[in-house]
C-alpha atoms as a PDB file:
ATOM      1  CA  MET A   1      -5.479   7.949  22.774  1.00  0.00           C
ATOM      2  CA  ILE A   2      -2.969   7.197  20.039  1.00  0.00           C
ATOM      3  CA  THR A   3      -0.039   4.981  20.935  1.00  0.00           C
ATOM      4  CA  CYS A   4       3.288   5.994  19.411  1.00  0.00           C
ATOM      5  CA  PHE A   5       4.619   3.194  17.199  1.00  0.00           C
ATOM      6  CA  TYR A   6       8.176   3.960  18.275  1.00  0.00           C
ATOM      7  CA  CYS A   7       8.169   4.614  22.031  1.00  0.00           C
ATOM      8  CA  GLN A   8       4.677   3.336  22.983  1.00  0.00           C
ATOM      9  CA  HIS A   9       3.749   6.644  24.664  1.00  0.00           C
ATOM     10  CA  GLN A  10       0.009   7.388  24.865  1.00  0.00           C
ATOM     11  CA  ASN A  11      -0.749  10.636  23.025  1.00  0.00           C
ATOM     12  CA  PRO A  12      -4.004  12.606  22.655  1.00  0.00           C
ATOM     13  CA  PRO A  13      -6.231  11.505  19.751  1.00  0.00           C
ATOM     14  CA  ASP A  14      -5.544  14.689  17.765  1.00  0.00           C
ATOM     15  CA  ALA A  15      -1.739  14.507  18.076  1.00  0.00           C
ATOM     16  CA  LEU A  16       0.304  14.591  14.878  1.00  0.00           C
ATOM     17  CA  VAL A  17       3.642  13.859  16.548  1.00  0.00           C
ATOM     18  CA  CYS A  18       4.559  12.010  19.719  1.00  0.00           C
ATOM     19  CA  SER A  19       5.013  14.326  22.698  1.00  0.00           C
ATOM     20  CA  VAL A  20       7.917  12.202  23.977  1.00  0.00           C
ATOM     21  CA  CYS A  21       9.995  11.146  20.959  1.00  0.00           C
ATOM     22  CA  SER A  22       8.701  13.745  18.428  1.00  0.00           C
ATOM     23  CA  ARG A  23       8.086  11.153  15.711  1.00  0.00           C
ATOM     24  CA  ASP A  24       5.151  11.394  13.327  1.00  0.00           C
ATOM     25  CA  ILE A  25       2.200   9.366  14.561  1.00  0.00           C
ATOM     26  CA  ALA A  26      -0.589  10.627  12.311  1.00  0.00           C
ATOM     27  CA  ILE A  27      -1.530   8.342   9.433  1.00  0.00           C
ATOM     28  CA  PRO A  28      -2.045  10.304   6.188  1.00  0.00           C
ATOM     29  CA  ALA A  29      -5.579  10.161   4.799  1.00  0.00           C
ATOM     30  CA  SER A  30      -4.243   8.826   1.491  1.00  0.00           C
ATOM     31  CA  LEU A  31      -2.808   5.775   3.268  1.00  0.00           C
ATOM     32  CA  ILE A  32      -6.058   5.166   5.112  1.00  0.00           C
ATOM     33  CA  THR A  33      -7.947   5.319   1.808  1.00  0.00           C
ATOM     34  CA  GLU A  34      -5.461   2.965   0.155  1.00  0.00           C
ATOM     35  CA  ARG A  35      -5.676   0.548   3.091  1.00  0.00           C
ATOM     36  CA  ASP A  36      -9.468   0.500   2.859  1.00  0.00           C
ATOM     37  CA  GLN A  37      -9.362  -0.115  -0.902  1.00  0.00           C
ATOM     38  CA  LEU A  38      -6.873  -2.953  -0.453  1.00  0.00           C
ATOM     39  CA  ALA A  39      -9.028  -4.504   2.269  1.00  0.00           C
ATOM     40  CA  ARG A  40     -12.051  -4.448  -0.067  1.00  0.00           C
ATOM     41  CA  LYS A  41     -10.001  -6.047  -2.863  1.00  0.00           C
ATOM     42  CA  ARG A  42      -8.713  -8.684  -0.439  1.00  0.00           C
ATOM     43  CA  ASP A  43     -12.237  -9.520   0.690  1.00  0.00           C
ATOM     44  CA  ALA A  44     -13.454  -9.781  -2.916  1.00  0.00           C
ATOM     45  CA  LEU A  45     -10.548 -12.073  -3.824  1.00  0.00           C
ATOM     46  CA  ARG A  46     -11.191 -14.277  -0.797  1.00  0.00           C
ATOM     47  CA  GLU A  47     -14.826 -14.637  -1.822  1.00  0.00           C
ATOM     48  CA  GLU A  48     -13.811 -15.434  -5.403  1.00  0.00           C
ATOM     49  CA  LEU A  49     -11.363 -18.056  -4.109  1.00  0.00           C
ATOM     50  CA  ARG A  50     -14.100 -19.668  -1.989  1.00  0.00           C
ATOM     51  CA  SER A  51     -16.373 -19.768  -5.019  1.00  0.00           C
ATOM     52  CA  VAL A  52     -13.728 -21.296  -7.296  1.00  0.00           C
ATOM     53  CA  ARG A  53     -12.829 -23.908  -4.679  1.00  0.00           C
ATOM     54  CA  ALA A  54     -16.494 -24.875  -4.403  1.00  0.00           C
ATOM     55  CA  GLN A  55     -16.716 -25.195  -8.196  1.00  0.00           C
ATOM     56  CA  ILE A  56     -13.592 -27.382  -8.278  1.00  0.00           C
ATOM     57  CA  ASP A  57     -14.938 -29.584  -5.491  1.00  0.00           C
ATOM     58  CA  ALA A  58     -18.207 -29.988  -7.401  1.00  0.00           C
ATOM     59  CA  LEU A  59     -16.317 -31.159 -10.504  1.00  0.00           C
ATOM     60  CA  ARG A  60     -14.188 -33.721  -8.689  1.00  0.00           C
ATOM     61  CA  PRO A  61     -15.475 -37.269  -8.850  1.00  0.00           C
ATOM     62  CA  ALA A  62     -16.557 -38.690  -5.535  1.00  0.00           C
ATOM     63  CA  LYS A  63     -14.029 -41.039  -3.993  1.00  0.00           C
ATOM     64  CA  PRO A  64     -15.313 -44.600  -3.754  1.00  0.00           C
ATOM     65  CA  ARG A  65     -16.067 -45.668  -0.211  1.00  0.00           C
ATOM     66  CA  ARG A  66     -14.301 -48.713   1.080  1.00  0.00           C
ATOM     67  CA  ASP A  67     -16.209 -50.945   3.431  1.00  0.00           C
ATOM     68  CA  VAL A  68     -14.029 -52.302   6.171  1.00  0.00           C
END
């Protein structure tokens, strides 16, 4: 079932428009493709950020420990 974004009506999985409010509920394939590409880019950037943070941490001098 596909939930209408506007009225929250449950529509059949193959519906293109909501049977109650007549609004478009189908997501164009081009947007799905773009979303997937952006998600892959986001994941790659997150991994790169983790790597760079690890490199920065490795370059930082260790803080001296203070005995209490």
